[in-house]
């Protein structure tokens, strides 16, 4: 744990894209699983940490081995899910990126029926605050998703919602102080996370 910044937000790594399945039920790909396993093997200070996860499959697959090593069960928080995109479901990559750009650029609007960025930000903040209230001490690892993780980062850093703060691909992290609403830095690849 680093200077009172007792919490980590970690986004799940690469997934197996399957347009025939609900996005919430996608699994980690072989690459994503390998990255998650390497993190678990490398990460120091995990013993006794509390791992908190979205209930989406890809997040739980990332969280479960971390929790096993921590010695504590995963705390599953269904409302830590990614921004709700059920109005469109799966979108091809190029179209998805265009809609995601609009999602961040027009945070108060339900772009293509998606949950608004403002609503998603308030939701992830409520979830983090509730966990911090119920787990007042010790290291916390929140395992979730890129968009809501970025929205959380913006709120903690006191920055307006902007995709300029988004992660570059999956499997990234940042350290934050949940009590004082402060972030240490922006997103970094999970390969750079060595210690809680």
N, C-alpha and C. Protein backbone atom coordinates (compact mmCIF):
# COMPACT_ATOMS: atom_id res chain seq x y z
N UNK A 1 0.86 -1.18 0.00
CA UNK A 1 0.00 0.00 0.00
C UNK A 1 0.89 1.23 0.00
N UNK A 2 0.45 2.28 -0.71
CA UNK A 2 1.32 3.43 -0.95
C UNK A 2 0.75 4.71 -0.37
N UNK A 3 1.36 5.23 0.73
CA UNK A 3 1.06 6.56 1.26
C UNK A 3 -0.42 6.88 1.42
N UNK A 4 -1.18 5.97 2.00
CA UNK A 4 -2.60 6.23 2.23
C UNK A 4 -3.47 6.01 1.01
N UNK A 5 -2.86 5.80 -0.15
CA UNK A 5 -3.63 5.49 -1.34
C UNK A 5 -3.87 3.99 -1.34
N UNK A 6 -4.90 3.57 -0.58
CA UNK A 6 -5.07 2.16 -0.26
C UNK A 6 -5.87 1.39 -1.30
N UNK A 7 -6.37 2.07 -2.32
CA UNK A 7 -7.24 1.40 -3.29
C UNK A 7 -6.64 1.40 -4.69
N UNK A 8 -6.91 0.31 -5.39
CA UNK A 8 -6.53 0.14 -6.80
C UNK A 8 -7.82 -0.07 -7.58
N UNK A 9 -7.93 0.58 -8.73
CA UNK A 9 -8.99 0.22 -9.68
C UNK A 9 -8.30 -0.49 -10.83
N UNK A 10 -8.76 -1.69 -11.14
CA UNK A 10 -8.17 -2.53 -12.19
C UNK A 10 -9.24 -2.88 -13.21
N UNK A 11 -8.98 -2.60 -14.47
CA UNK A 11 -9.92 -3.01 -15.51
C UNK A 11 -9.56 -4.41 -16.00
N UNK A 12 -10.57 -5.18 -16.34
CA UNK A 12 -10.31 -6.53 -16.86
C UNK A 12 -9.49 -6.44 -18.15
N UNK A 13 -8.63 -7.44 -18.40
CA UNK A 13 -7.88 -7.43 -19.66
C UNK A 13 -8.70 -7.97 -20.83
N UNK A 14 -8.04 -8.34 -21.91
CA UNK A 14 -8.68 -8.69 -23.18
C UNK A 14 -9.74 -9.77 -23.03
N UNK A 15 -10.79 -9.63 -23.85
CA UNK A 15 -11.92 -10.57 -23.80
C UNK A 15 -12.06 -11.30 -25.13
N UNK A 16 -12.79 -12.40 -25.06
CA UNK A 16 -13.17 -13.17 -26.25
C UNK A 16 -14.47 -12.56 -26.77
N UNK A 17 -14.38 -11.81 -27.86
CA UNK A 17 -15.57 -11.14 -28.39
C UNK A 17 -16.46 -12.16 -29.08
N UNK A 18 -17.71 -12.22 -28.65
CA UNK A 18 -18.67 -13.17 -29.20
C UNK A 18 -20.00 -12.45 -29.41
N UNK A 19 -20.25 -11.98 -30.65
CA UNK A 19 -21.49 -11.23 -30.92
C UNK A 19 -22.76 -12.00 -30.60
N UNK A 20 -22.68 -13.33 -30.51
CA UNK A 20 -23.87 -14.14 -30.24
C UNK A 20 -24.23 -14.16 -28.76
N UNK A 21 -23.33 -13.69 -27.90
CA UNK A 21 -23.59 -13.70 -26.46
C UNK A 21 -23.74 -12.27 -25.94
N UNK A 22 -24.43 -12.15 -24.81
CA UNK A 22 -24.52 -10.85 -24.15
C UNK A 22 -23.12 -10.38 -23.77
N UNK A 23 -22.87 -9.09 -23.95
CA UNK A 23 -21.55 -8.53 -23.63
C UNK A 23 -21.20 -8.80 -22.17
N UNK A 24 -22.18 -8.77 -21.30
CA UNK A 24 -21.93 -9.00 -19.87
C UNK A 24 -21.48 -10.42 -19.58
N UNK A 25 -21.67 -11.34 -20.54
CA UNK A 25 -21.30 -12.74 -20.35
C UNK A 25 -20.04 -13.12 -21.12
N UNK A 26 -19.35 -12.14 -21.68
CA UNK A 26 -18.09 -12.45 -22.38
C UNK A 26 -17.03 -12.88 -21.37
N UNK A 27 -16.17 -13.79 -21.80
CA UNK A 27 -15.06 -14.29 -20.98
C UNK A 27 -13.76 -13.61 -21.37
N UNK A 28 -12.78 -13.73 -20.50
CA UNK A 28 -11.43 -13.30 -20.87
C UNK A 28 -10.91 -14.19 -21.99
N UNK A 29 -10.14 -13.60 -22.88
CA UNK A 29 -9.47 -14.37 -23.93
C UNK A 29 -8.25 -15.07 -23.33
N UNK A 30 -7.58 -15.89 -24.13
CA UNK A 30 -6.36 -16.55 -23.66
C UNK A 30 -5.32 -15.52 -23.26
N UNK A 31 -5.22 -14.44 -24.03
CA UNK A 31 -4.27 -13.36 -23.70
C UNK A 31 -4.67 -12.70 -22.39
N UNK A 32 -5.96 -12.40 -22.24
CA UNK A 32 -6.44 -11.77 -21.02
C UNK A 32 -6.20 -12.63 -19.79
N UNK A 33 -6.49 -13.93 -19.92
CA UNK A 33 -6.25 -14.86 -18.80
C UNK A 33 -4.78 -14.91 -18.42
N UNK A 34 -3.91 -14.95 -19.44
CA UNK A 34 -2.47 -15.01 -19.17
C UNK A 34 -1.99 -13.75 -18.46
N UNK A 35 -2.50 -12.60 -18.87
CA UNK A 35 -2.11 -11.35 -18.22
C UNK A 35 -2.59 -11.33 -16.77
N UNK A 36 -3.82 -11.78 -16.54
CA UNK A 36 -4.37 -11.80 -15.17
C UNK A 36 -3.57 -12.76 -14.29
N UNK A 37 -3.22 -13.93 -14.83
CA UNK A 37 -2.45 -14.91 -14.05
C UNK A 37 -1.06 -14.37 -13.72
N UNK A 38 -0.45 -13.67 -14.68
CA UNK A 38 0.88 -13.09 -14.43
C UNK A 38 0.81 -12.04 -13.33
N UNK A 39 -0.27 -11.26 -13.32
CA UNK A 39 -0.43 -10.25 -12.27
C UNK A 39 -0.53 -10.91 -10.90
N UNK A 40 -1.33 -11.94 -10.80
CA UNK A 40 -1.51 -12.63 -9.52
C UNK A 40 -0.18 -13.20 -9.02
N UNK A 41 0.60 -13.75 -9.93
CA UNK A 41 1.89 -14.34 -9.55
C UNK A 41 2.89 -13.28 -9.10
N UNK A 42 2.78 -12.08 -9.65
CA UNK A 42 3.77 -11.03 -9.41
C UNK A 42 3.41 -10.11 -8.24
N UNK A 43 2.13 -9.87 -8.03
CA UNK A 43 1.67 -8.80 -7.14
C UNK A 43 2.02 -9.07 -5.68
N UNK A 44 2.72 -8.14 -5.06
CA UNK A 44 3.07 -8.25 -3.64
C UNK A 44 2.07 -7.44 -2.81
N UNK A 45 1.90 -7.86 -1.57
CA UNK A 45 1.00 -7.14 -0.67
C UNK A 45 -0.45 -7.50 -0.83
N UNK A 46 -0.72 -8.59 -1.54
CA UNK A 46 -2.11 -8.98 -1.81
C UNK A 46 -2.76 -9.70 -0.63
N UNK A 47 -1.96 -10.35 0.20
CA UNK A 47 -2.50 -11.10 1.33
C UNK A 47 -3.31 -10.19 2.25
N UNK A 48 -4.56 -10.57 2.50
CA UNK A 48 -5.43 -9.79 3.36
C UNK A 48 -6.19 -8.68 2.67
N UNK A 49 -5.87 -8.41 1.41
CA UNK A 49 -6.59 -7.36 0.67
C UNK A 49 -8.03 -7.80 0.41
N UNK A 50 -8.89 -6.83 0.22
CA UNK A 50 -10.27 -7.13 -0.14
C UNK A 50 -10.46 -6.84 -1.62
N UNK A 51 -10.88 -7.85 -2.37
CA UNK A 51 -11.10 -7.72 -3.81
C UNK A 51 -12.60 -7.53 -4.04
N UNK A 52 -12.94 -6.48 -4.76
CA UNK A 52 -14.33 -6.11 -5.01
C UNK A 52 -14.54 -6.10 -6.52
N UNK A 53 -15.59 -6.76 -7.00
CA UNK A 53 -15.74 -6.91 -8.45
C UNK A 53 -17.15 -6.63 -8.93
N UNK A 54 -17.22 -6.13 -10.13
CA UNK A 54 -18.45 -6.15 -10.92
C UNK A 54 -18.88 -7.61 -11.06
N UNK A 55 -20.17 -7.84 -11.33
CA UNK A 55 -20.60 -9.23 -11.50
C UNK A 55 -20.57 -9.69 -12.94
N UNK A 56 -20.00 -8.87 -13.83
CA UNK A 56 -19.84 -9.33 -15.21
C UNK A 56 -18.76 -10.41 -15.25
N UNK A 57 -18.95 -11.38 -16.12
CA UNK A 57 -18.09 -12.57 -16.15
C UNK A 57 -16.60 -12.22 -16.30
N UNK A 58 -16.28 -11.32 -17.22
CA UNK A 58 -14.87 -10.98 -17.47
C UNK A 58 -14.22 -10.33 -16.26
N UNK A 59 -14.99 -9.56 -15.50
CA UNK A 59 -14.45 -8.95 -14.28
C UNK A 59 -14.25 -10.00 -13.20
N UNK A 60 -15.22 -10.89 -13.05
CA UNK A 60 -15.10 -11.95 -12.04
C UNK A 60 -13.94 -12.89 -12.35
N UNK A 61 -13.71 -13.16 -13.64
CA UNK A 61 -12.58 -14.02 -14.01
C UNK A 61 -11.24 -13.35 -13.69
N UNK A 62 -11.23 -12.03 -13.70
CA UNK A 62 -10.03 -11.29 -13.31
C UNK A 62 -9.89 -11.25 -11.79
N UNK A 63 -11.01 -11.07 -11.11
CA UNK A 63 -11.00 -10.90 -9.65
C UNK A 63 -10.76 -12.19 -8.88
N UNK A 64 -11.30 -13.30 -9.37
CA UNK A 64 -11.28 -14.56 -8.59
C UNK A 64 -9.87 -15.01 -8.19
N UNK A 65 -8.89 -15.04 -9.11
CA UNK A 65 -7.56 -15.48 -8.67
C UNK A 65 -6.89 -14.49 -7.72
N UNK A 66 -7.19 -13.21 -7.86
CA UNK A 66 -6.66 -12.21 -6.91
C UNK A 66 -7.22 -12.47 -5.52
N UNK A 67 -8.53 -12.73 -5.46
CA UNK A 67 -9.17 -12.99 -4.17
C UNK A 67 -8.65 -14.27 -3.54
N UNK A 68 -8.44 -15.29 -4.36
CA UNK A 68 -7.93 -16.56 -3.84
C UNK A 68 -6.58 -16.33 -3.15
N UNK A 69 -5.74 -15.54 -3.78
CA UNK A 69 -4.42 -15.26 -3.21
C UNK A 69 -4.51 -14.33 -2.00
N UNK A 70 -5.53 -13.47 -1.97
CA UNK A 70 -5.67 -12.54 -0.84
C UNK A 70 -6.14 -13.25 0.42
N UNK A 71 -6.83 -14.38 0.24
CA UNK A 71 -7.38 -15.10 1.38
C UNK A 71 -8.77 -14.65 1.77
N UNK A 72 -9.34 -13.71 1.01
CA UNK A 72 -10.70 -13.23 1.27
C UNK A 72 -11.58 -13.52 0.05
N UNK A 73 -12.86 -13.80 0.27
CA UNK A 73 -13.75 -14.00 -0.88
C UNK A 73 -13.97 -12.69 -1.64
N UNK A 74 -14.30 -12.82 -2.91
CA UNK A 74 -14.64 -11.64 -3.71
C UNK A 74 -15.92 -11.02 -3.17
N UNK A 75 -15.92 -9.70 -3.01
CA UNK A 75 -17.16 -8.97 -2.76
C UNK A 75 -17.71 -8.61 -4.14
N UNK A 76 -18.87 -9.15 -4.48
CA UNK A 76 -19.47 -8.87 -5.78
C UNK A 76 -20.46 -7.73 -5.66
N UNK A 77 -20.26 -6.72 -6.50
CA UNK A 77 -21.14 -5.54 -6.51
C UNK A 77 -21.74 -5.41 -7.91
N UNK A 78 -22.97 -5.91 -8.10
CA UNK A 78 -23.59 -5.87 -9.42
C UNK A 78 -23.65 -4.47 -10.04
N UNK A 79 -23.78 -3.43 -9.22
CA UNK A 79 -23.88 -2.08 -9.77
C UNK A 79 -22.53 -1.46 -10.15
N UNK A 80 -21.46 -2.25 -10.07
CA UNK A 80 -20.17 -1.81 -10.60
C UNK A 80 -20.03 -2.15 -12.08
N UNK A 81 -21.11 -2.61 -12.71
CA UNK A 81 -21.05 -3.03 -14.12
C UNK A 81 -20.61 -1.90 -15.04
N UNK A 82 -20.23 -2.29 -16.25
CA UNK A 82 -19.84 -1.32 -17.27
C UNK A 82 -21.05 -0.47 -17.62
N UNK A 83 -20.81 0.66 -18.31
CA UNK A 83 -21.94 1.49 -18.71
C UNK A 83 -22.94 0.62 -19.48
N UNK A 84 -24.23 0.84 -19.19
CA UNK A 84 -25.29 0.01 -19.77
C UNK A 84 -25.45 0.35 -21.25
N UNK A 85 -25.11 -0.64 -22.10
CA UNK A 85 -25.20 -0.45 -23.55
C UNK A 85 -26.22 -1.41 -24.16
N UNK A 86 -27.15 -1.89 -23.34
CA UNK A 86 -28.09 -2.90 -23.81
C UNK A 86 -29.00 -2.40 -24.93
N UNK A 87 -29.16 -1.09 -25.06
CA UNK A 87 -30.01 -0.54 -26.13
C UNK A 87 -29.46 -0.88 -27.51
N UNK A 88 -28.15 -1.02 -27.62
CA UNK A 88 -27.56 -1.38 -28.91
C UNK A 88 -27.01 -2.80 -28.90
N UNK A 89 -26.66 -3.32 -27.74
CA UNK A 89 -25.99 -4.61 -27.71
C UNK A 89 -24.63 -4.51 -28.39
N UNK A 90 -24.17 -5.63 -28.91
CA UNK A 90 -22.85 -5.66 -29.57
C UNK A 90 -22.83 -4.71 -30.77
N UNK A 91 -21.76 -3.96 -30.88
CA UNK A 91 -21.52 -3.11 -32.06
C UNK A 91 -20.15 -3.47 -32.63
N UNK A 92 -20.02 -3.51 -33.97
CA UNK A 92 -18.69 -3.71 -34.56
C UNK A 92 -17.72 -2.64 -34.06
N UNK A 93 -16.45 -2.97 -34.02
CA UNK A 93 -15.43 -2.13 -33.37
C UNK A 93 -15.49 -0.66 -33.78
N UNK A 94 -15.50 -0.39 -35.08
CA UNK A 94 -15.45 1.00 -35.53
C UNK A 94 -16.68 1.77 -35.07
N UNK A 95 -17.85 1.15 -35.20
CA UNK A 95 -19.09 1.79 -34.76
C UNK A 95 -19.09 1.98 -33.24
N UNK A 96 -18.62 0.96 -32.52
CA UNK A 96 -18.54 1.07 -31.06
C UNK A 96 -17.68 2.26 -30.65
N UNK A 97 -16.52 2.42 -31.28
CA UNK A 97 -15.61 3.51 -30.92
C UNK A 97 -16.26 4.87 -31.17
N UNK A 98 -17.02 4.98 -32.26
CA UNK A 98 -17.71 6.25 -32.56
C UNK A 98 -18.76 6.56 -31.50
N UNK A 99 -19.52 5.55 -31.10
CA UNK A 99 -20.56 5.77 -30.09
C UNK A 99 -19.91 6.05 -28.73
N UNK A 100 -18.82 5.36 -28.43
CA UNK A 100 -18.10 5.61 -27.17
C UNK A 100 -17.57 7.05 -27.12
N UNK A 101 -17.07 7.54 -28.25
CA UNK A 101 -16.63 8.94 -28.31
C UNK A 101 -17.77 9.88 -27.94
N UNK A 102 -18.96 9.61 -28.49
CA UNK A 102 -20.13 10.45 -28.20
C UNK A 102 -20.57 10.32 -26.74
N UNK A 103 -20.48 9.11 -26.21
CA UNK A 103 -20.84 8.85 -24.81
C UNK A 103 -20.04 9.77 -23.88
N UNK A 104 -18.74 9.89 -24.12
CA UNK A 104 -17.90 10.75 -23.29
C UNK A 104 -18.09 12.23 -23.62
N UNK A 105 -18.31 12.54 -24.90
CA UNK A 105 -18.40 13.94 -25.32
C UNK A 105 -19.72 14.59 -24.91
N UNK A 106 -20.78 13.78 -24.76
CA UNK A 106 -22.11 14.29 -24.39
C UNK A 106 -22.59 13.56 -23.15
N UNK A 107 -21.95 13.83 -22.01
CA UNK A 107 -22.16 12.99 -20.82
C UNK A 107 -23.57 13.02 -20.24
N UNK A 108 -24.36 14.03 -20.56
CA UNK A 108 -25.71 14.08 -20.03
C UNK A 108 -26.75 13.49 -20.96
N UNK A 109 -26.33 13.00 -22.12
CA UNK A 109 -27.27 12.49 -23.12
C UNK A 109 -27.18 10.96 -23.23
N UNK A 110 -28.33 10.31 -23.40
CA UNK A 110 -28.33 8.85 -23.60
C UNK A 110 -28.03 8.51 -25.06
N UNK A 111 -26.79 8.58 -25.46
CA UNK A 111 -26.39 8.36 -26.84
C UNK A 111 -26.80 6.96 -27.29
N UNK A 112 -27.60 6.88 -28.34
CA UNK A 112 -28.10 5.61 -28.89
C UNK A 112 -28.81 4.77 -27.83
N UNK A 113 -29.34 5.43 -26.80
CA UNK A 113 -30.05 4.72 -25.74
C UNK A 113 -29.16 4.18 -24.64
N UNK A 114 -27.85 4.42 -24.73
CA UNK A 114 -26.93 3.99 -23.67
C UNK A 114 -27.20 4.77 -22.39
N UNK A 115 -26.86 4.18 -21.26
CA UNK A 115 -26.82 4.91 -19.99
C UNK A 115 -25.95 6.14 -20.19
N UNK A 116 -26.33 7.27 -19.60
CA UNK A 116 -25.50 8.47 -19.76
C UNK A 116 -24.21 8.33 -18.96
N UNK A 117 -23.18 9.03 -19.41
CA UNK A 117 -21.91 9.02 -18.68
C UNK A 117 -22.08 9.58 -17.28
N UNK A 118 -22.91 10.61 -17.15
CA UNK A 118 -23.14 11.20 -15.82
C UNK A 118 -23.78 10.20 -14.88
N UNK A 119 -24.78 9.46 -15.37
CA UNK A 119 -25.46 8.46 -14.53
C UNK A 119 -24.50 7.33 -14.16
N UNK A 120 -23.70 6.88 -15.12
CA UNK A 120 -22.74 5.81 -14.85
C UNK A 120 -21.69 6.26 -13.84
N UNK A 121 -21.28 7.52 -13.94
CA UNK A 121 -20.29 8.05 -13.00
C UNK A 121 -20.86 8.09 -11.58
N UNK A 122 -22.08 8.55 -11.44
CA UNK A 122 -22.70 8.60 -10.11
C UNK A 122 -22.87 7.19 -9.54
N UNK A 123 -23.21 6.25 -10.39
CA UNK A 123 -23.40 4.86 -9.95
C UNK A 123 -22.09 4.26 -9.44
N UNK A 124 -21.00 4.41 -10.18
CA UNK A 124 -19.73 3.81 -9.75
C UNK A 124 -19.21 4.51 -8.49
N UNK A 125 -19.44 5.81 -8.38
CA UNK A 125 -19.05 6.53 -7.16
C UNK A 125 -19.81 6.01 -5.95
N UNK A 126 -21.12 5.79 -6.11
CA UNK A 126 -21.92 5.25 -5.00
C UNK A 126 -21.39 3.88 -4.57
N UNK A 127 -21.07 3.05 -5.54
CA UNK A 127 -20.57 1.71 -5.22
C UNK A 127 -19.26 1.77 -4.45
N UNK A 128 -18.32 2.58 -4.94
CA UNK A 128 -17.03 2.71 -4.26
C UNK A 128 -17.22 3.27 -2.86
N UNK A 129 -18.04 4.30 -2.72
CA UNK A 129 -18.26 4.90 -1.40
C UNK A 129 -18.88 3.90 -0.42
N UNK A 130 -19.79 3.07 -0.90
CA UNK A 130 -20.42 2.08 -0.03
C UNK A 130 -19.42 1.03 0.42
N UNK A 131 -18.56 0.59 -0.50
CA UNK A 131 -17.54 -0.40 -0.12
C UNK A 131 -16.58 0.21 0.90
N UNK A 132 -16.15 1.43 0.67
CA UNK A 132 -15.22 2.09 1.59
C UNK A 132 -15.86 2.24 2.97
N UNK A 133 -17.16 2.52 3.01
CA UNK A 133 -17.87 2.64 4.28
C UNK A 133 -17.88 1.32 5.04
N UNK A 134 -18.05 0.21 4.31
CA UNK A 134 -18.17 -1.10 4.96
C UNK A 134 -16.82 -1.80 5.16
N UNK A 135 -15.79 -1.36 4.43
CA UNK A 135 -14.43 -1.91 4.59
C UNK A 135 -13.51 -0.73 4.89
N UNK A 136 -13.54 -0.23 6.14
CA UNK A 136 -12.88 1.04 6.45
C UNK A 136 -11.36 1.00 6.50
N UNK A 137 -10.77 -0.20 6.52
CA UNK A 137 -9.31 -0.28 6.63
C UNK A 137 -8.78 -1.34 5.68
N UNK A 138 -7.50 -1.21 5.35
CA UNK A 138 -6.82 -2.22 4.55
C UNK A 138 -6.91 -1.96 3.06
N UNK A 139 -6.06 -2.67 2.31
CA UNK A 139 -6.03 -2.46 0.86
C UNK A 139 -7.30 -2.97 0.17
N UNK A 140 -7.69 -2.25 -0.86
CA UNK A 140 -8.86 -2.59 -1.66
C UNK A 140 -8.46 -2.69 -3.12
N UNK A 141 -8.94 -3.73 -3.79
CA UNK A 141 -8.74 -3.86 -5.23
C UNK A 141 -10.12 -3.92 -5.87
N UNK A 142 -10.48 -2.89 -6.62
CA UNK A 142 -11.75 -2.85 -7.35
C UNK A 142 -11.48 -3.37 -8.76
N UNK A 143 -12.20 -4.39 -9.17
CA UNK A 143 -12.02 -4.96 -10.50
C UNK A 143 -13.26 -4.66 -11.33
N UNK A 144 -13.05 -3.97 -12.43
CA UNK A 144 -14.20 -3.57 -13.23
C UNK A 144 -13.86 -3.34 -14.69
N UNK A 145 -14.28 -2.19 -15.18
CA UNK A 145 -14.34 -1.96 -16.61
C UNK A 145 -13.77 -0.59 -16.98
N UNK A 146 -13.42 -0.46 -18.25
CA UNK A 146 -12.73 0.74 -18.70
C UNK A 146 -13.52 2.02 -18.64
N UNK A 147 -14.75 2.01 -19.16
CA UNK A 147 -15.52 3.26 -19.21
C UNK A 147 -15.87 3.75 -17.81
N UNK A 148 -16.46 2.89 -16.98
CA UNK A 148 -16.83 3.35 -15.63
C UNK A 148 -15.58 3.62 -14.79
N UNK A 149 -14.50 2.89 -15.06
CA UNK A 149 -13.25 3.18 -14.37
C UNK A 149 -12.72 4.55 -14.71
N UNK A 150 -12.87 4.94 -15.97
CA UNK A 150 -12.45 6.28 -16.39
C UNK A 150 -13.35 7.34 -15.78
N UNK A 151 -14.64 7.07 -15.74
CA UNK A 151 -15.58 8.02 -15.12
C UNK A 151 -15.27 8.20 -13.63
N UNK A 152 -14.93 7.11 -12.97
CA UNK A 152 -14.53 7.18 -11.56
C UNK A 152 -13.26 8.02 -11.42
N UNK A 153 -12.28 7.77 -12.29
CA UNK A 153 -11.02 8.52 -12.24
C UNK A 153 -11.30 10.02 -12.40
N UNK A 154 -12.15 10.38 -13.35
CA UNK A 154 -12.47 11.80 -13.57
C UNK A 154 -13.06 12.42 -12.31
N UNK A 155 -13.97 11.70 -11.66
CA UNK A 155 -14.59 12.22 -10.44
C UNK A 155 -13.56 12.38 -9.32
N UNK A 156 -12.72 11.36 -9.14
CA UNK A 156 -11.71 11.41 -8.08
C UNK A 156 -10.67 12.49 -8.32
N UNK A 157 -10.34 12.71 -9.59
CA UNK A 157 -9.31 13.70 -9.95
C UNK A 157 -9.88 15.11 -10.07
N UNK A 158 -11.20 15.24 -9.96
CA UNK A 158 -11.82 16.55 -10.10
C UNK A 158 -11.77 17.07 -11.52
N UNK A 159 -11.81 16.16 -12.49
CA UNK A 159 -11.73 16.53 -13.91
C UNK A 159 -13.09 16.35 -14.57
N UNK A 160 -13.39 17.16 -15.58
CA UNK A 160 -14.63 16.92 -16.32
C UNK A 160 -14.56 15.60 -17.08
N UNK A 161 -15.71 15.02 -17.34
CA UNK A 161 -15.76 13.77 -18.09
C UNK A 161 -15.18 13.98 -19.48
N UNK A 162 -14.21 13.16 -19.83
CA UNK A 162 -13.56 13.27 -21.14
C UNK A 162 -12.91 11.94 -21.49
N UNK A 163 -13.02 11.56 -22.75
CA UNK A 163 -12.37 10.31 -23.17
C UNK A 163 -10.86 10.45 -23.22
N UNK A 164 -10.36 11.66 -23.12
CA UNK A 164 -8.91 11.84 -23.10
C UNK A 164 -8.28 11.16 -21.88
N UNK A 165 -9.09 10.86 -20.86
CA UNK A 165 -8.60 10.18 -19.66
C UNK A 165 -8.81 8.66 -19.71
N UNK A 166 -9.35 8.16 -20.84
CA UNK A 166 -9.68 6.75 -20.97
C UNK A 166 -8.42 5.89 -21.06
N UNK A 167 -8.56 4.62 -20.70
CA UNK A 167 -7.45 3.68 -20.83
C UNK A 167 -7.20 3.35 -22.30
N UNK A 168 -6.02 2.87 -22.59
CA UNK A 168 -5.68 2.42 -23.94
C UNK A 168 -5.75 0.90 -23.97
N UNK A 169 -6.92 0.37 -24.25
CA UNK A 169 -7.10 -1.08 -24.22
C UNK A 169 -7.39 -1.55 -22.80
N UNK A 170 -7.68 -2.84 -22.64
CA UNK A 170 -8.03 -3.37 -21.32
C UNK A 170 -6.82 -3.78 -20.51
N UNK A 171 -7.08 -4.10 -19.24
CA UNK A 171 -6.02 -4.56 -18.36
C UNK A 171 -5.12 -3.45 -17.88
N UNK A 172 -5.72 -2.40 -17.32
CA UNK A 172 -4.99 -1.25 -16.79
C UNK A 172 -5.44 -0.96 -15.37
N UNK A 173 -4.73 -0.08 -14.69
CA UNK A 173 -5.01 0.20 -13.28
C UNK A 173 -4.60 1.62 -12.93
N UNK A 174 -5.13 2.09 -11.82
CA UNK A 174 -4.63 3.32 -11.18
C UNK A 174 -4.84 3.17 -9.68
N UNK A 175 -4.08 3.93 -8.93
CA UNK A 175 -4.15 3.92 -7.47
C UNK A 175 -4.91 5.15 -7.00
N UNK A 176 -5.76 4.98 -5.99
CA UNK A 176 -6.49 6.15 -5.48
C UNK A 176 -6.71 6.07 -3.98
N UNK A 177 -6.98 7.24 -3.43
CA UNK A 177 -7.29 7.40 -2.02
C UNK A 177 -8.80 7.63 -1.93
N UNK A 178 -9.58 6.61 -1.55
CA UNK A 178 -11.03 6.75 -1.58
C UNK A 178 -11.57 7.71 -0.53
N UNK A 179 -10.88 7.84 0.59
CA UNK A 179 -11.37 8.74 1.64
C UNK A 179 -11.22 10.21 1.24
N UNK A 180 -10.11 10.54 0.62
CA UNK A 180 -9.84 11.94 0.25
C UNK A 180 -10.12 12.24 -1.21
N UNK A 181 -10.67 11.27 -1.92
CA UNK A 181 -11.01 11.43 -3.34
C UNK A 181 -9.84 12.03 -4.11
N UNK A 182 -8.78 11.26 -4.18
CA UNK A 182 -7.59 11.69 -4.90
C UNK A 182 -7.02 10.51 -5.67
N UNK A 183 -6.42 10.80 -6.81
CA UNK A 183 -5.77 9.76 -7.61
C UNK A 183 -4.27 10.01 -7.62
N UNK A 184 -3.51 8.93 -7.75
CA UNK A 184 -2.06 9.03 -7.77
C UNK A 184 -1.57 9.42 -9.17
N UNK A 185 -2.17 8.81 -10.20
CA UNK A 185 -1.78 9.05 -11.59
C UNK A 185 -2.89 8.49 -12.47
N UNK A 186 -2.68 8.55 -13.78
CA UNK A 186 -3.66 7.99 -14.71
C UNK A 186 -3.50 6.49 -14.88
N UNK A 187 -4.22 5.96 -15.86
CA UNK A 187 -4.16 4.53 -16.15
C UNK A 187 -2.74 4.10 -16.51
N UNK A 188 -2.37 2.89 -16.09
CA UNK A 188 -1.10 2.27 -16.48
C UNK A 188 -1.36 0.79 -16.74
N UNK A 189 -0.58 0.15 -17.61
CA UNK A 189 -0.78 -1.28 -17.89
C UNK A 189 -0.60 -2.12 -16.63
N UNK A 190 -1.36 -3.20 -16.53
CA UNK A 190 -1.30 -4.04 -15.34
C UNK A 190 0.09 -4.64 -15.13
N UNK A 191 0.89 -4.71 -16.18
CA UNK A 191 2.26 -5.21 -16.05
C UNK A 191 3.12 -4.29 -15.19
N UNK A 192 2.67 -3.05 -14.99
CA UNK A 192 3.41 -2.10 -14.16
C UNK A 192 2.95 -2.10 -12.70
N UNK A 193 1.99 -2.95 -12.38
CA UNK A 193 1.50 -3.05 -11.00
C UNK A 193 2.28 -4.15 -10.29
N UNK A 194 3.11 -3.76 -9.33
CA UNK A 194 3.98 -4.70 -8.63
C UNK A 194 3.57 -4.93 -7.18
N UNK A 195 2.97 -3.91 -6.56
CA UNK A 195 2.66 -3.98 -5.13
C UNK A 195 1.40 -3.18 -4.82
N UNK A 196 0.61 -3.69 -3.86
CA UNK A 196 -0.55 -2.92 -3.40
C UNK A 196 -0.08 -1.82 -2.46
